[in-house]
Amino acid sequence: MNIKNIAVVICLSMLMAACGGGQVDPHTGAQDTAAKAMMEKSEYLKNLRKLEGEMYKAEKFDEMLALSMVNQYADFARNFPEDTSAADFLFKAGEISTSLKQGPQAVGYFREVREKYPEYRKVQYCLFLQAFVYETIMKDNVTAKQLYEEVIKKYPSEHIAADAKASIQNLGKSDEELIKEFEAKNKGK
């Protein structure tokens, strides 16, 4: 995607967000907000499908496209919080923000999913990914450990608890230390 296309996508997004109030019926003066909302929702979804297609087709990671997708996902979730896709889109915004090394934003999206959609099927991963972001991007091992421990406490019978335990054991270790430990374990076998 070239810069011109990105600019068009961003401008369209801003225009859709700026439009408000719905159309006014010339006879009654009433606003048709429901119809406008459905049109906006379908435009958002159409635009998101297009952006996702472009991102997955790209030969290399396109940071501008990724930023646009994060914004579109978050806008959709905020404009249509009752839609069944809202939690998924916030989760995806968190994943992409993590890839972009935007720690506070990623943590915020994962936290928002947990708070607004506690029954979401990936809510346990949101908690784990918050810990992961604190550990790897924000370099805050204290908060990371607290969140990993919360994963273990809240989801003890799920495999994510084992992942959290392993993460705690390796917290603060360098890549070299991890490699040495791995090699030592393999020598003993």
N, C-alpha and C. Protein backbone atom coordinates (compact mmCIF):
# COMPACT_ATOMS: atom_id res chain seq x y z
N MET A 1 0.86 -1.17 0.00
CA MET A 1 0.00 0.00 0.00
C MET A 1 0.90 1.23 0.00
N ASN A 2 0.65 2.14 -0.89
CA ASN A 2 1.48 3.33 -0.94
C ASN A 2 0.95 4.40 0.01
N ILE A 3 1.72 5.45 0.19
CA ILE A 3 1.39 6.53 1.12
C ILE A 3 0.07 7.18 0.74
N LYS A 4 -0.18 7.34 -0.56
CA LYS A 4 -1.43 7.97 -1.00
C LYS A 4 -2.63 7.14 -0.55
N ASN A 5 -2.56 5.83 -0.71
CA ASN A 5 -3.67 4.96 -0.28
C ASN A 5 -3.87 5.02 1.23
N ILE A 6 -2.76 5.06 1.97
CA ILE A 6 -2.85 5.14 3.42
C ILE A 6 -3.53 6.44 3.82
N ALA A 7 -3.14 7.54 3.16
CA ALA A 7 -3.74 8.84 3.46
C ALA A 7 -5.24 8.82 3.18
N VAL A 8 -5.64 8.18 2.10
CA VAL A 8 -7.07 8.08 1.76
C VAL A 8 -7.80 7.30 2.83
N VAL A 9 -7.22 6.17 3.27
CA VAL A 9 -7.86 5.35 4.29
C VAL A 9 -8.01 6.15 5.59
N ILE A 10 -6.97 6.86 5.98
CA ILE A 10 -7.02 7.63 7.21
C ILE A 10 -8.05 8.75 7.09
N CYS A 11 -8.07 9.43 5.95
CA CYS A 11 -9.05 10.51 5.75
C CYS A 11 -10.48 9.98 5.80
N LEU A 12 -10.70 8.84 5.15
CA LEU A 12 -12.04 8.25 5.19
C LEU A 12 -12.43 7.87 6.61
N SER A 13 -11.48 7.34 7.35
CA SER A 13 -11.75 6.96 8.74
C SER A 13 -12.13 8.18 9.56
N MET A 14 -11.38 9.25 9.38
CA MET A 14 -11.65 10.47 10.13
C MET A 14 -13.01 11.06 9.72
N LEU A 15 -13.30 11.01 8.45
CA LEU A 15 -14.57 11.52 7.96
C LEU A 15 -15.73 10.73 8.53
N MET A 16 -15.60 9.39 8.56
CA MET A 16 -16.67 8.56 9.11
C MET A 16 -16.85 8.85 10.59
N ALA A 17 -15.76 9.06 11.31
CA ALA A 17 -15.85 9.33 12.74
C ALA A 17 -16.45 10.71 12.99
N ALA A 18 -16.17 11.66 12.11
CA ALA A 18 -16.66 13.03 12.30
C ALA A 18 -18.14 13.17 11.98
N CYS A 19 -18.64 12.35 11.09
CA CYS A 19 -20.06 12.43 10.72
C CYS A 19 -20.89 11.98 11.90
N GLY A 20 -21.90 12.72 12.21
CA GLY A 20 -22.73 12.33 13.34
C GLY A 20 -24.17 12.72 13.14
N GLY A 21 -25.02 12.16 13.98
CA GLY A 21 -26.38 12.61 14.04
C GLY A 21 -27.36 11.92 13.13
N GLY A 22 -26.94 11.33 12.04
CA GLY A 22 -27.87 10.66 11.15
C GLY A 22 -28.53 11.62 10.19
N GLN A 23 -29.27 11.06 9.26
CA GLN A 23 -29.95 11.88 8.27
C GLN A 23 -31.28 12.36 8.83
N VAL A 24 -31.71 13.54 8.38
CA VAL A 24 -32.96 14.11 8.84
C VAL A 24 -34.03 13.87 7.78
N ASP A 25 -35.15 13.32 8.22
CA ASP A 25 -36.29 13.12 7.32
C ASP A 25 -36.88 14.49 7.05
N PRO A 26 -36.98 14.91 5.77
CA PRO A 26 -37.48 16.26 5.47
C PRO A 26 -38.94 16.47 5.89
N HIS A 27 -39.71 15.40 6.05
CA HIS A 27 -41.13 15.53 6.41
C HIS A 27 -41.34 15.60 7.91
N THR A 28 -40.59 14.79 8.66
CA THR A 28 -40.81 14.72 10.10
C THR A 28 -39.73 15.43 10.90
N GLY A 29 -38.59 15.66 10.30
CA GLY A 29 -37.47 16.26 11.02
C GLY A 29 -36.73 15.26 11.90
N ALA A 30 -37.15 13.98 11.89
CA ALA A 30 -36.52 12.96 12.72
C ALA A 30 -35.22 12.48 12.07
N GLN A 31 -34.28 12.13 12.92
CA GLN A 31 -33.00 11.63 12.41
C GLN A 31 -33.06 10.12 12.25
N ASP A 32 -32.47 9.63 11.18
CA ASP A 32 -32.43 8.20 10.90
C ASP A 32 -31.08 7.65 11.38
N THR A 33 -30.89 7.65 12.69
CA THR A 33 -29.60 7.23 13.24
C THR A 33 -29.36 5.74 13.11
N ALA A 34 -30.42 4.94 13.20
CA ALA A 34 -30.24 3.48 13.10
C ALA A 34 -29.73 3.09 11.71
N ALA A 35 -30.32 3.69 10.69
CA ALA A 35 -29.87 3.39 9.32
C ALA A 35 -28.44 3.87 9.11
N LYS A 36 -28.14 5.04 9.63
CA LYS A 36 -26.79 5.58 9.49
C LYS A 36 -25.79 4.69 10.22
N ALA A 37 -26.15 4.23 11.41
CA ALA A 37 -25.26 3.36 12.17
C ALA A 37 -24.99 2.06 11.42
N MET A 38 -26.02 1.49 10.83
CA MET A 38 -25.84 0.25 10.07
C MET A 38 -24.95 0.48 8.86
N MET A 39 -25.12 1.63 8.20
CA MET A 39 -24.28 1.95 7.04
C MET A 39 -22.83 2.13 7.49
N GLU A 40 -22.66 2.86 8.59
CA GLU A 40 -21.31 3.07 9.09
C GLU A 40 -20.67 1.74 9.48
N LYS A 41 -21.44 0.89 10.14
CA LYS A 41 -20.90 -0.40 10.57
C LYS A 41 -20.46 -1.22 9.36
N SER A 42 -21.28 -1.25 8.33
CA SER A 42 -20.91 -2.04 7.14
C SER A 42 -19.70 -1.42 6.46
N GLU A 43 -19.59 -0.10 6.48
CA GLU A 43 -18.40 0.55 5.89
C GLU A 43 -17.15 0.23 6.70
N TYR A 44 -17.27 0.27 8.03
CA TYR A 44 -16.15 -0.11 8.88
C TYR A 44 -15.69 -1.53 8.57
N LEU A 45 -16.65 -2.46 8.53
CA LEU A 45 -16.32 -3.86 8.30
C LEU A 45 -15.71 -4.07 6.92
N LYS A 46 -16.25 -3.39 5.93
CA LYS A 46 -15.70 -3.48 4.57
C LYS A 46 -14.26 -2.96 4.56
N ASN A 47 -14.03 -1.84 5.20
CA ASN A 47 -12.69 -1.25 5.25
C ASN A 47 -11.73 -2.16 6.02
N LEU A 48 -12.19 -2.73 7.12
CA LEU A 48 -11.34 -3.63 7.90
C LEU A 48 -10.96 -4.88 7.11
N ARG A 49 -11.92 -5.45 6.40
CA ARG A 49 -11.61 -6.63 5.56
C ARG A 49 -10.57 -6.27 4.50
N LYS A 50 -10.71 -5.08 3.93
CA LYS A 50 -9.75 -4.64 2.91
C LYS A 50 -8.35 -4.48 3.53
N LEU A 51 -8.29 -3.81 4.67
CA LEU A 51 -7.00 -3.61 5.33
C LEU A 51 -6.36 -4.94 5.73
N GLU A 52 -7.18 -5.84 6.28
CA GLU A 52 -6.65 -7.16 6.67
C GLU A 52 -6.11 -7.90 5.45
N GLY A 53 -6.83 -7.85 4.35
CA GLY A 53 -6.36 -8.49 3.12
C GLY A 53 -5.03 -7.93 2.67
N GLU A 54 -4.90 -6.62 2.73
CA GLU A 54 -3.64 -5.98 2.32
C GLU A 54 -2.50 -6.36 3.26
N MET A 55 -2.80 -6.40 4.55
CA MET A 55 -1.75 -6.72 5.51
C MET A 55 -1.26 -8.15 5.34
N TYR A 56 -2.19 -9.08 5.14
CA TYR A 56 -1.79 -10.48 5.03
C TYR A 56 -1.16 -10.81 3.68
N LYS A 57 -1.42 -9.99 2.67
CA LYS A 57 -0.80 -10.17 1.36
C LYS A 57 0.61 -9.58 1.31
N ALA A 58 0.87 -8.60 2.16
CA ALA A 58 2.14 -7.87 2.11
C ALA A 58 3.32 -8.81 2.35
N GLU A 59 4.39 -8.56 1.61
CA GLU A 59 5.59 -9.38 1.76
C GLU A 59 6.36 -9.03 3.02
N LYS A 60 6.24 -7.80 3.48
CA LYS A 60 6.89 -7.41 4.72
C LYS A 60 5.92 -6.59 5.56
N PHE A 61 6.22 -6.49 6.83
CA PHE A 61 5.36 -5.78 7.77
C PHE A 61 5.30 -4.30 7.42
N ASP A 62 4.09 -3.80 7.22
CA ASP A 62 3.86 -2.40 6.88
C ASP A 62 3.35 -1.68 8.12
N GLU A 63 4.22 -0.90 8.74
CA GLU A 63 3.89 -0.24 10.00
C GLU A 63 2.72 0.74 9.85
N MET A 64 2.69 1.49 8.76
CA MET A 64 1.60 2.45 8.56
C MET A 64 0.26 1.72 8.42
N LEU A 65 0.25 0.64 7.70
CA LEU A 65 -0.97 -0.15 7.53
C LEU A 65 -1.39 -0.73 8.88
N ALA A 66 -0.43 -1.21 9.64
CA ALA A 66 -0.73 -1.78 10.96
C ALA A 66 -1.33 -0.71 11.87
N LEU A 67 -0.77 0.48 11.86
CA LEU A 67 -1.32 1.57 12.68
C LEU A 67 -2.74 1.91 12.27
N SER A 68 -2.99 1.92 10.97
CA SER A 68 -4.32 2.19 10.47
C SER A 68 -5.31 1.12 10.94
N MET A 69 -4.86 -0.13 10.89
CA MET A 69 -5.72 -1.22 11.34
C MET A 69 -6.05 -1.10 12.83
N VAL A 70 -5.05 -0.79 13.64
CA VAL A 70 -5.27 -0.62 15.08
C VAL A 70 -6.33 0.45 15.30
N ASN A 71 -6.19 1.57 14.62
CA ASN A 71 -7.14 2.66 14.78
C ASN A 71 -8.54 2.26 14.34
N GLN A 72 -8.64 1.55 13.23
CA GLN A 72 -9.94 1.10 12.74
C GLN A 72 -10.58 0.09 13.70
N TYR A 73 -9.79 -0.86 14.20
CA TYR A 73 -10.32 -1.83 15.15
C TYR A 73 -10.86 -1.12 16.39
N ALA A 74 -10.05 -0.21 16.94
CA ALA A 74 -10.45 0.50 18.16
C ALA A 74 -11.68 1.37 17.91
N ASP A 75 -11.71 2.07 16.78
CA ASP A 75 -12.87 2.92 16.45
C ASP A 75 -14.13 2.08 16.34
N PHE A 76 -14.04 0.95 15.67
CA PHE A 76 -15.21 0.09 15.52
C PHE A 76 -15.72 -0.32 16.91
N ALA A 77 -14.83 -0.79 17.76
CA ALA A 77 -15.21 -1.27 19.09
C ALA A 77 -15.83 -0.15 19.93
N ARG A 78 -15.35 1.05 19.77
CA ARG A 78 -15.90 2.17 20.55
C ARG A 78 -17.22 2.66 19.98
N ASN A 79 -17.38 2.58 18.67
CA ASN A 79 -18.63 3.01 18.04
C ASN A 79 -19.73 1.96 18.11
N PHE A 80 -19.33 0.69 18.18
CA PHE A 80 -20.29 -0.41 18.19
C PHE A 80 -19.94 -1.41 19.30
N PRO A 81 -19.95 -0.95 20.56
CA PRO A 81 -19.49 -1.81 21.66
C PRO A 81 -20.35 -3.05 21.88
N GLU A 82 -21.59 -3.04 21.43
CA GLU A 82 -22.47 -4.19 21.61
C GLU A 82 -22.31 -5.24 20.51
N ASP A 83 -21.58 -4.90 19.45
CA ASP A 83 -21.39 -5.84 18.34
C ASP A 83 -20.52 -7.00 18.82
N THR A 84 -20.83 -8.19 18.32
CA THR A 84 -20.09 -9.38 18.73
C THR A 84 -18.63 -9.35 18.30
N SER A 85 -18.29 -8.51 17.34
CA SER A 85 -16.90 -8.40 16.87
C SER A 85 -16.06 -7.43 17.70
N ALA A 86 -16.69 -6.63 18.54
CA ALA A 86 -15.97 -5.58 19.27
C ALA A 86 -14.80 -6.13 20.09
N ALA A 87 -15.04 -7.18 20.86
CA ALA A 87 -13.97 -7.75 21.70
C ALA A 87 -12.85 -8.31 20.83
N ASP A 88 -13.22 -9.00 19.74
CA ASP A 88 -12.19 -9.53 18.83
C ASP A 88 -11.34 -8.41 18.25
N PHE A 89 -11.98 -7.32 17.86
CA PHE A 89 -11.24 -6.21 17.26
C PHE A 89 -10.32 -5.54 18.26
N LEU A 90 -10.77 -5.40 19.51
CA LEU A 90 -9.87 -4.85 20.53
C LEU A 90 -8.70 -5.78 20.79
N PHE A 91 -8.96 -7.08 20.80
CA PHE A 91 -7.90 -8.06 20.99
C PHE A 91 -6.88 -7.94 19.85
N LYS A 92 -7.36 -7.84 18.61
CA LYS A 92 -6.47 -7.69 17.47
C LYS A 92 -5.69 -6.38 17.55
N ALA A 93 -6.35 -5.31 18.02
CA ALA A 93 -5.65 -4.04 18.20
C ALA A 93 -4.51 -4.20 19.21
N GLY A 94 -4.76 -4.98 20.25
CA GLY A 94 -3.71 -5.24 21.25
C GLY A 94 -2.57 -6.06 20.67
N GLU A 95 -2.90 -7.06 19.87
CA GLU A 95 -1.85 -7.88 19.25
C GLU A 95 -0.98 -7.05 18.30
N ILE A 96 -1.61 -6.25 17.47
CA ILE A 96 -0.84 -5.44 16.52
C ILE A 96 -0.03 -4.39 17.27
N SER A 97 -0.61 -3.79 18.30
CA SER A 97 0.14 -2.81 19.10
C SER A 97 1.35 -3.46 19.74
N THR A 98 1.22 -4.72 20.14
CA THR A 98 2.36 -5.46 20.69
C THR A 98 3.43 -5.61 19.62
N SER A 99 3.02 -5.98 18.41
CA SER A 99 3.98 -6.12 17.31
C SER A 99 4.67 -4.81 16.98
N LEU A 100 3.96 -3.72 17.18
CA LEU A 100 4.53 -2.39 16.93
C LEU A 100 5.35 -1.88 18.11
N LYS A 101 5.43 -2.69 19.17
CA LYS A 101 6.18 -2.35 20.39
C LYS A 101 5.58 -1.13 21.08
N GLN A 102 4.26 -0.98 20.99
CA GLN A 102 3.54 0.10 21.66
C GLN A 102 2.93 -0.48 22.95
N GLY A 103 3.78 -0.61 23.95
CA GLY A 103 3.39 -1.28 25.19
C GLY A 103 2.16 -0.72 25.89
N PRO A 104 2.16 0.56 26.21
CA PRO A 104 0.99 1.09 26.93
C PRO A 104 -0.32 0.93 26.15
N GLN A 105 -0.26 1.11 24.85
CA GLN A 105 -1.47 0.96 24.04
C GLN A 105 -1.93 -0.50 24.05
N ALA A 106 -1.00 -1.42 23.87
CA ALA A 106 -1.34 -2.85 23.86
C ALA A 106 -1.98 -3.25 25.18
N VAL A 107 -1.34 -2.86 26.27
CA VAL A 107 -1.88 -3.18 27.60
C VAL A 107 -3.29 -2.59 27.74
N GLY A 108 -3.47 -1.38 27.26
CA GLY A 108 -4.78 -0.74 27.35
C GLY A 108 -5.86 -1.50 26.60
N TYR A 109 -5.55 -1.96 25.40
CA TYR A 109 -6.53 -2.74 24.62
C TYR A 109 -6.87 -4.05 25.32
N PHE A 110 -5.83 -4.76 25.81
CA PHE A 110 -6.09 -6.03 26.50
C PHE A 110 -6.89 -5.80 27.78
N ARG A 111 -6.58 -4.73 28.49
CA ARG A 111 -7.32 -4.40 29.72
C ARG A 111 -8.78 -4.07 29.39
N GLU A 112 -8.97 -3.31 28.32
CA GLU A 112 -10.32 -2.94 27.91
C GLU A 112 -11.17 -4.18 27.59
N VAL A 113 -10.57 -5.15 26.92
CA VAL A 113 -11.30 -6.39 26.64
C VAL A 113 -11.70 -7.05 27.95
N ARG A 114 -10.77 -7.16 28.87
CA ARG A 114 -11.05 -7.83 30.15
C ARG A 114 -12.15 -7.12 30.93
N GLU A 115 -12.14 -5.79 30.91
CA GLU A 115 -13.11 -5.03 31.69
C GLU A 115 -14.49 -4.99 31.04
N LYS A 116 -14.53 -4.79 29.74
CA LYS A 116 -15.81 -4.63 29.05
C LYS A 116 -16.43 -5.95 28.59
N TYR A 117 -15.59 -6.96 28.39
CA TYR A 117 -16.06 -8.24 27.85
C TYR A 117 -15.50 -9.40 28.67
N PRO A 118 -15.87 -9.48 29.95
CA PRO A 118 -15.29 -10.52 30.81
C PRO A 118 -15.63 -11.95 30.39
N GLU A 119 -16.63 -12.12 29.56
CA GLU A 119 -17.01 -13.45 29.09
C GLU A 119 -16.37 -13.79 27.74
N TYR A 120 -15.53 -12.91 27.24
CA TYR A 120 -14.87 -13.11 25.96
C TYR A 120 -14.04 -14.39 25.99
N ARG A 121 -14.06 -15.15 24.92
CA ARG A 121 -13.42 -16.46 24.87
C ARG A 121 -11.90 -16.41 25.03
N LYS A 122 -11.28 -15.27 24.84
CA LYS A 122 -9.82 -15.16 24.98
C LYS A 122 -9.42 -14.26 26.14
N VAL A 123 -10.31 -14.08 27.10
CA VAL A 123 -10.03 -13.14 28.19
C VAL A 123 -8.79 -13.54 28.98
N GLN A 124 -8.55 -14.85 29.16
CA GLN A 124 -7.36 -15.29 29.90
C GLN A 124 -6.08 -14.92 29.15
N TYR A 125 -6.15 -14.92 27.81
CA TYR A 125 -4.98 -14.54 27.02
C TYR A 125 -4.72 -13.04 27.12
N CYS A 126 -5.78 -12.27 27.29
CA CYS A 126 -5.61 -10.83 27.47
C CYS A 126 -4.77 -10.55 28.72
N LEU A 127 -5.08 -11.26 29.80
CA LEU A 127 -4.32 -11.09 31.03
C LEU A 127 -2.87 -11.53 30.84
N PHE A 128 -2.68 -12.69 30.22
CA PHE A 128 -1.32 -13.18 29.98
C PHE A 128 -0.55 -12.21 29.08
N LEU A 129 -1.19 -11.72 28.04
CA LEU A 129 -0.51 -10.81 27.11
C LEU A 129 -0.19 -9.47 27.76
N GLN A 130 -1.02 -9.03 28.70
CA GLN A 130 -0.67 -7.83 29.45
C GLN A 130 0.66 -8.06 30.18
N ALA A 131 0.76 -9.20 30.85
CA ALA A 131 1.99 -9.53 31.56
C ALA A 131 3.16 -9.59 30.60
N PHE A 132 2.97 -10.25 29.47
CA PHE A 132 4.02 -10.38 28.46
C PHE A 132 4.50 -9.02 27.97
N VAL A 133 3.58 -8.10 27.74
CA VAL A 133 3.94 -6.76 27.27
C VAL A 133 4.72 -6.01 28.35
N TYR A 134 4.25 -6.12 29.60
CA TYR A 134 5.00 -5.48 30.69
C TYR A 134 6.42 -6.04 30.76
N GLU A 135 6.56 -7.33 30.59
CA GLU A 135 7.87 -7.97 30.66
C GLU A 135 8.77 -7.59 29.49
N THR A 136 8.29 -7.77 28.28
CA THR A 136 9.16 -7.69 27.10
C THR A 136 9.29 -6.31 26.49
N ILE A 137 8.23 -5.51 26.55
CA ILE A 137 8.28 -4.19 25.91
C ILE A 137 8.53 -3.09 26.93
N MET A 138 7.79 -3.16 28.04
CA MET A 138 7.89 -2.08 29.03
C MET A 138 8.97 -2.33 30.08
N LYS A 139 9.54 -3.54 30.06
CA LYS A 139 10.63 -3.92 30.98
C LYS A 139 10.27 -3.69 32.45
N ASP A 140 9.03 -4.00 32.80
CA ASP A 140 8.52 -3.87 34.16
C ASP A 140 8.24 -5.29 34.68
N ASN A 141 9.29 -5.92 35.21
CA ASN A 141 9.18 -7.31 35.66
C ASN A 141 8.30 -7.46 36.90
N VAL A 142 8.22 -6.42 37.72
CA VAL A 142 7.39 -6.49 38.93
C VAL A 142 5.91 -6.62 38.55
N THR A 143 5.46 -5.73 37.68
CA THR A 143 4.06 -5.79 37.23
C THR A 143 3.81 -7.06 36.42
N ALA A 144 4.78 -7.43 35.60
CA ALA A 144 4.64 -8.65 34.80
C ALA A 144 4.43 -9.86 35.72
N LYS A 145 5.24 -9.97 36.75
CA LYS A 145 5.12 -11.10 37.68
C LYS A 145 3.76 -11.10 38.36
N GLN A 146 3.28 -9.93 38.79
CA GLN A 146 1.97 -9.85 39.43
C GLN A 146 0.87 -10.35 38.48
N LEU A 147 0.95 -9.94 37.22
CA LEU A 147 -0.06 -10.35 36.25
C LEU A 147 0.06 -11.85 35.91
N TYR A 148 1.28 -12.36 35.80
CA TYR A 148 1.44 -13.79 35.57
C TYR A 148 0.85 -14.59 36.74
N GLU A 149 1.08 -14.10 37.96
CA GLU A 149 0.53 -14.77 39.14
C GLU A 149 -1.00 -14.73 39.13
N GLU A 150 -1.56 -13.63 38.64
CA GLU A 150 -3.01 -13.52 38.52
C GLU A 150 -3.56 -14.53 37.51
N VAL A 151 -2.82 -14.74 36.42
CA VAL A 151 -3.21 -15.75 35.43
C VAL A 151 -3.27 -17.12 36.11
N ILE A 152 -2.25 -17.45 36.87
CA ILE A 152 -2.18 -18.75 37.56
C ILE A 152 -3.33 -18.90 38.54
N LYS A 153 -3.63 -17.84 39.27
CA LYS A 153 -4.69 -17.88 40.27
C LYS A 153 -6.08 -18.00 39.62
N LYS A 154 -6.31 -17.22 38.55
CA LYS A 154 -7.64 -17.19 37.92
C LYS A 154 -7.90 -18.37 37.00
N TYR A 155 -6.85 -18.91 36.40
CA TYR A 155 -7.02 -19.96 35.39
C TYR A 155 -6.10 -21.15 35.68
N PRO A 156 -6.16 -21.71 36.88
CA PRO A 156 -5.19 -22.75 37.28
C PRO A 156 -5.24 -24.03 36.45
N SER A 157 -6.39 -24.36 35.90
CA SER A 157 -6.50 -25.63 35.17
C SER A 157 -6.31 -25.46 33.66
N GLU A 158 -6.04 -24.25 33.21
CA GLU A 158 -5.83 -24.02 31.78
C GLU A 158 -4.34 -24.00 31.47
N HIS A 159 -4.00 -24.35 30.22
CA HIS A 159 -2.58 -24.41 29.84
C HIS A 159 -1.90 -23.05 29.96
N ILE A 160 -2.66 -21.98 29.92
CA ILE A 160 -2.06 -20.64 30.04
C ILE A 160 -1.41 -20.46 31.42
N ALA A 161 -1.90 -21.17 32.43
CA ALA A 161 -1.30 -21.11 33.77
C ALA A 161 0.12 -21.69 33.74
N ALA A 162 0.31 -22.78 33.00
CA ALA A 162 1.65 -23.37 32.88
C ALA A 162 2.58 -22.40 32.15
N ASP A 163 2.06 -21.73 31.15
CA ASP A 163 2.86 -20.73 30.43
C ASP A 163 3.26 -19.59 31.36
N ALA A 164 2.33 -19.18 32.21
CA ALA A 164 2.61 -18.10 33.16
C ALA A 164 3.68 -18.53 34.17
N LYS A 165 3.59 -19.79 34.63
CA LYS A 165 4.61 -20.30 35.57
C LYS A 165 5.99 -20.30 34.91
N ALA A 166 6.06 -20.75 33.67
CA ALA A 166 7.34 -20.77 32.95
C ALA A 166 7.86 -19.35 32.75
N SER A 167 6.96 -18.44 32.47
CA SER A 167 7.38 -17.04 32.27
C SER A 167 7.95 -16.46 33.56
N ILE A 168 7.33 -16.79 34.69
CA ILE A 168 7.85 -16.31 35.98
C ILE A 168 9.25 -16.87 36.22
N GLN A 169 9.45 -18.17 35.93
CA GLN A 169 10.76 -18.80 36.13
C GLN A 169 11.84 -18.14 35.27
N ASN A 170 11.46 -17.65 34.11
CA ASN A 170 12.44 -17.07 33.19
C ASN A 170 12.47 -15.55 33.24
N LEU A 171 11.68 -14.96 34.10
CA LEU A 171 11.58 -13.51 34.19
C LEU A 171 12.94 -12.88 34.50
N GLY A 172 13.33 -11.94 33.68
CA GLY A 172 14.57 -11.20 33.90
C GLY A 172 15.82 -11.89 33.38
N LYS A 173 15.69 -13.08 32.84
CA LYS A 173 16.86 -13.79 32.32
C LYS A 173 17.15 -13.34 30.89
N SER A 174 18.43 -13.25 30.59
CA SER A 174 18.83 -12.87 29.24
C SER A 174 18.67 -14.06 28.30
N ASP A 175 18.72 -13.79 27.01
CA ASP A 175 18.66 -14.87 26.02
C ASP A 175 19.81 -15.86 26.22
N GLU A 176 20.97 -15.33 26.54
CA GLU A 176 22.14 -16.19 26.75
C GLU A 176 21.93 -17.13 27.93
N GLU A 177 21.36 -16.60 29.02
CA GLU A 177 21.10 -17.43 30.19
C GLU A 177 20.09 -18.53 29.87
N LEU A 178 19.06 -18.18 29.13
CA LEU A 178 18.04 -19.17 28.75
C LEU A 178 18.63 -20.26 27.86
N ILE A 179 19.50 -19.88 26.93
CA ILE A 179 20.14 -20.85 26.04
C ILE A 179 21.03 -21.79 26.85
N LYS A 180 21.80 -21.24 27.80
CA LYS A 180 22.67 -22.08 28.64
C LYS A 180 21.85 -23.07 29.47
N GLU A 181 20.74 -22.60 30.03
CA GLU A 181 19.88 -23.50 30.81
C GLU A 181 19.31 -24.61 29.93
N PHE A 182 18.88 -24.24 28.74
CA PHE A 182 18.31 -25.21 27.80
C PHE A 182 19.36 -26.25 27.42
N GLU A 183 20.56 -25.79 27.13
CA GLU A 183 21.64 -26.71 26.75
C GLU A 183 22.01 -27.62 27.90
N ALA A 184 22.03 -27.07 29.12
CA ALA A 184 22.36 -27.89 30.29
C ALA A 184 21.30 -28.97 30.52
N LYS A 185 20.04 -28.63 30.32
CA LYS A 185 18.97 -29.62 30.48
C LYS A 185 19.09 -30.72 29.42
N ASN A 186 19.44 -30.34 28.23
CA ASN A 186 19.55 -31.33 27.15
C ASN A 186 20.77 -32.22 27.31
N LYS A 187 21.84 -31.73 27.94
CA LYS A 187 23.01 -32.56 28.19
C LYS A 187 22.70 -33.67 29.18
N GLY A 188 21.84 -33.36 30.12
CA GLY A 188 21.47 -34.31 31.17
C GLY A 188 20.58 -35.42 30.66
N LYS A 189 20.04 -35.29 29.49
CA LYS A 189 19.11 -36.30 28.94
C LYS A 189 19.83 -37.37 28.19
